[in-house]
Amino acid sequence: MTTGLIALAVAVAISVSTIGPALGMGKVGANAMESMSRQPEVMGEIRTSMILAFAFMEALTIYGLVLAFMLLAKM
């Protein structure tokens, strides 16, 4: 019973930590492209902010992966 619950927790950890940042990256990317097309003179600053936001969102995904590995070690 415990092994099944841990396996379910791993699946939930991976799915939630992947779906959230993926949706966020899509929204950030779309809004950044729109901003760059409206104001091409600040394209460099927008791109830098977008890449930094992507890095933070990707870090959340990696934290979920680490948590899943820790849960798998308990099995």
N, C-alpha and C. Protein backbone atom coordinates (compact mmCIF):
# COMPACT_ATOMS: atom_id res chain seq x y z
N MET A 1 0.83 -1.20 0.00
CA MET A 1 0.00 0.00 0.00
C MET A 1 0.87 1.26 0.00
N THR A 2 1.90 1.27 0.82
CA THR A 2 2.77 2.45 0.91
C THR A 2 3.51 2.69 -0.39
N THR A 3 3.94 1.62 -1.04
CA THR A 3 4.66 1.77 -2.31
C THR A 3 3.77 2.40 -3.37
N GLY A 4 2.53 2.02 -3.41
CA GLY A 4 1.59 2.60 -4.37
C GLY A 4 1.35 4.08 -4.13
N LEU A 5 1.25 4.46 -2.86
CA LEU A 5 1.05 5.87 -2.54
C LEU A 5 2.28 6.70 -2.90
N ILE A 6 3.45 6.14 -2.67
CA ILE A 6 4.68 6.86 -3.04
C ILE A 6 4.75 7.02 -4.56
N ALA A 7 4.38 5.96 -5.29
CA ALA A 7 4.39 6.05 -6.75
C ALA A 7 3.40 7.10 -7.24
N LEU A 8 2.25 7.19 -6.60
CA LEU A 8 1.27 8.22 -6.95
C LEU A 8 1.81 9.61 -6.63
N ALA A 9 2.49 9.75 -5.51
CA ALA A 9 3.08 11.04 -5.13
C ALA A 9 4.15 11.46 -6.13
N VAL A 10 4.93 10.51 -6.63
CA VAL A 10 5.95 10.82 -7.64
C VAL A 10 5.28 11.33 -8.91
N ALA A 11 4.22 10.67 -9.33
CA ALA A 11 3.52 11.08 -10.55
C ALA A 11 2.93 12.48 -10.40
N VAL A 12 2.35 12.76 -9.25
CA VAL A 12 1.76 14.08 -9.01
C VAL A 12 2.85 15.14 -8.95
N ALA A 13 3.96 14.84 -8.29
CA ALA A 13 5.05 15.81 -8.17
C ALA A 13 5.61 16.18 -9.54
N ILE A 14 5.82 15.19 -10.38
CA ILE A 14 6.36 15.47 -11.71
C ILE A 14 5.34 16.23 -12.56
N SER A 15 4.08 15.81 -12.53
CA SER A 15 3.09 16.45 -13.40
C SER A 15 2.82 17.89 -13.00
N VAL A 16 2.66 18.15 -11.72
CA VAL A 16 2.37 19.52 -11.27
C VAL A 16 3.58 20.43 -11.48
N SER A 17 4.78 19.90 -11.20
CA SER A 17 5.97 20.74 -11.34
C SER A 17 6.35 20.94 -12.80
N THR A 18 5.72 20.23 -13.72
CA THR A 18 6.00 20.42 -15.13
C THR A 18 4.91 21.24 -15.81
N ILE A 19 3.66 21.00 -15.45
CA ILE A 19 2.55 21.68 -16.12
C ILE A 19 2.54 23.18 -15.79
N GLY A 20 2.74 23.52 -14.53
CA GLY A 20 2.71 24.93 -14.14
C GLY A 20 3.74 25.79 -14.86
N PRO A 21 5.02 25.43 -14.77
CA PRO A 21 6.02 26.23 -15.49
C PRO A 21 5.85 26.20 -17.01
N ALA A 22 5.35 25.10 -17.56
CA ALA A 22 5.14 25.05 -19.01
C ALA A 22 4.09 26.07 -19.44
N LEU A 23 3.01 26.16 -18.69
CA LEU A 23 1.99 27.16 -19.00
C LEU A 23 2.54 28.58 -18.82
N GLY A 24 3.32 28.75 -17.77
CA GLY A 24 3.94 30.06 -17.52
C GLY A 24 4.91 30.46 -18.62
N MET A 25 5.70 29.50 -19.09
CA MET A 25 6.65 29.79 -20.17
C MET A 25 5.92 30.19 -21.45
N GLY A 26 4.83 29.53 -21.73
CA GLY A 26 4.05 29.89 -22.91
C GLY A 26 3.51 31.30 -22.83
N LYS A 27 3.00 31.64 -21.65
CA LYS A 27 2.44 32.98 -21.46
C LYS A 27 3.54 34.05 -21.51
N VAL A 28 4.65 33.79 -20.85
CA VAL A 28 5.76 34.75 -20.85
C VAL A 28 6.31 34.93 -22.27
N GLY A 29 6.49 33.82 -22.98
CA GLY A 29 7.01 33.91 -24.34
C GLY A 29 6.09 34.68 -25.26
N ALA A 30 4.80 34.41 -25.18
CA ALA A 30 3.84 35.12 -26.03
C ALA A 30 3.81 36.61 -25.73
N ASN A 31 3.79 36.94 -24.45
CA ASN A 31 3.75 38.36 -24.08
C ASN A 31 5.06 39.07 -24.41
N ALA A 32 6.18 38.37 -24.30
CA ALA A 32 7.46 38.98 -24.66
C ALA A 32 7.53 39.25 -26.16
N MET A 33 7.05 38.31 -26.96
CA MET A 33 7.05 38.53 -28.41
C MET A 33 6.14 39.70 -28.78
N GLU A 34 5.01 39.81 -28.11
CA GLU A 34 4.11 40.93 -28.38
C GLU A 34 4.76 42.25 -27.97
N SER A 35 5.43 42.24 -26.82
CA SER A 35 6.11 43.45 -26.35
C SER A 35 7.23 43.86 -27.29
N MET A 36 7.99 42.88 -27.78
CA MET A 36 9.09 43.18 -28.70
C MET A 36 8.57 43.74 -30.02
N SER A 37 7.42 43.25 -30.46
CA SER A 37 6.89 43.77 -31.72
C SER A 37 6.31 45.18 -31.55
N ARG A 38 5.83 45.50 -30.36
CA ARG A 38 5.27 46.83 -30.12
C ARG A 38 6.36 47.87 -29.86
N GLN A 39 7.45 47.44 -29.17
CA GLN A 39 8.53 48.37 -28.86
C GLN A 39 9.87 47.74 -29.20
N PRO A 40 10.26 47.78 -30.46
CA PRO A 40 11.51 47.14 -30.86
C PRO A 40 12.76 47.77 -30.25
N GLU A 41 12.66 49.01 -29.78
CA GLU A 41 13.84 49.68 -29.22
C GLU A 41 14.27 49.09 -27.88
N VAL A 42 13.39 48.39 -27.16
CA VAL A 42 13.75 47.78 -25.88
C VAL A 42 13.80 46.25 -25.99
N MET A 43 14.04 45.77 -27.19
CA MET A 43 14.03 44.32 -27.42
C MET A 43 15.07 43.59 -26.57
N GLY A 44 16.24 44.16 -26.41
CA GLY A 44 17.30 43.52 -25.62
C GLY A 44 16.92 43.35 -24.16
N GLU A 45 16.31 44.37 -23.58
CA GLU A 45 15.90 44.30 -22.17
C GLU A 45 14.78 43.29 -21.98
N ILE A 46 13.84 43.27 -22.91
CA ILE A 46 12.72 42.32 -22.81
C ILE A 46 13.24 40.89 -22.94
N ARG A 47 14.17 40.68 -23.89
CA ARG A 47 14.72 39.34 -24.09
C ARG A 47 15.47 38.86 -22.84
N THR A 48 16.24 39.77 -22.24
CA THR A 48 16.98 39.40 -21.02
C THR A 48 16.02 39.03 -19.89
N SER A 49 14.98 39.81 -19.72
CA SER A 49 13.99 39.51 -18.68
C SER A 49 13.27 38.20 -18.96
N MET A 50 12.98 37.93 -20.23
CA MET A 50 12.30 36.70 -20.61
C MET A 50 13.18 35.48 -20.31
N ILE A 51 14.44 35.56 -20.65
CA ILE A 51 15.34 34.43 -20.41
C ILE A 51 15.52 34.20 -18.91
N LEU A 52 15.60 35.26 -18.15
CA LEU A 52 15.71 35.13 -16.69
C LEU A 52 14.45 34.49 -16.10
N ALA A 53 13.28 34.89 -16.59
CA ALA A 53 12.03 34.29 -16.13
C ALA A 53 11.97 32.81 -16.51
N PHE A 54 12.43 32.47 -17.72
CA PHE A 54 12.47 31.06 -18.13
C PHE A 54 13.37 30.25 -17.21
N ALA A 55 14.50 30.82 -16.83
CA ALA A 55 15.43 30.10 -15.95
C ALA A 55 14.79 29.82 -14.58
N PHE A 56 14.09 30.80 -14.04
CA PHE A 56 13.43 30.59 -12.75
C PHE A 56 12.33 29.54 -12.85
N MET A 57 11.58 29.56 -13.94
CA MET A 57 10.51 28.57 -14.11
C MET A 57 11.09 27.17 -14.31
N GLU A 58 12.19 27.10 -15.02
CA GLU A 58 12.83 25.79 -15.23
C GLU A 58 13.39 25.25 -13.90
N ALA A 59 13.83 26.14 -13.03
CA ALA A 59 14.31 25.71 -11.71
C ALA A 59 13.20 25.05 -10.91
N LEU A 60 11.98 25.56 -11.04
CA LEU A 60 10.85 24.94 -10.34
C LEU A 60 10.61 23.52 -10.85
N THR A 61 10.77 23.32 -12.15
CA THR A 61 10.62 21.99 -12.72
C THR A 61 11.69 21.05 -12.18
N ILE A 62 12.91 21.55 -12.08
CA ILE A 62 14.01 20.72 -11.58
C ILE A 62 13.79 20.38 -10.10
N TYR A 63 13.23 21.31 -9.32
CA TYR A 63 12.92 21.00 -7.93
C TYR A 63 11.90 19.87 -7.84
N GLY A 64 10.91 19.87 -8.71
CA GLY A 64 9.94 18.78 -8.74
C GLY A 64 10.59 17.45 -9.10
N LEU A 65 11.53 17.48 -10.03
CA LEU A 65 12.25 16.26 -10.40
C LEU A 65 13.09 15.74 -9.24
N VAL A 66 13.75 16.63 -8.53
CA VAL A 66 14.54 16.22 -7.36
C VAL A 66 13.64 15.62 -6.28
N LEU A 67 12.49 16.24 -6.07
CA LEU A 67 11.53 15.70 -5.10
C LEU A 67 11.06 14.32 -5.51
N ALA A 68 10.81 14.13 -6.79
CA ALA A 68 10.38 12.82 -7.27
C ALA A 68 11.47 11.77 -7.05
N PHE A 69 12.72 12.14 -7.30
CA PHE A 69 13.82 11.21 -7.06
C PHE A 69 13.95 10.87 -5.57
N MET A 70 13.74 11.85 -4.72
CA MET A 70 13.79 11.59 -3.28
C MET A 70 12.67 10.65 -2.85
N LEU A 71 11.49 10.83 -3.44
CA LEU A 71 10.39 9.93 -3.12
C LEU A 71 10.66 8.52 -3.64
N LEU A 72 11.25 8.44 -4.83
CA LEU A 72 11.58 7.11 -5.38
C LEU A 72 12.60 6.38 -4.51
N ALA A 73 13.48 7.13 -3.88
CA ALA A 73 14.48 6.51 -3.01
C ALA A 73 13.83 5.89 -1.77
N LYS A 74 12.66 6.41 -1.40
CA LYS A 74 11.95 5.86 -0.22
C LYS A 74 11.21 4.57 -0.53
N MET A 75 11.03 4.25 -1.82
CA MET A 75 10.28 3.05 -2.20
C MET A 75 11.01 1.79 -1.84
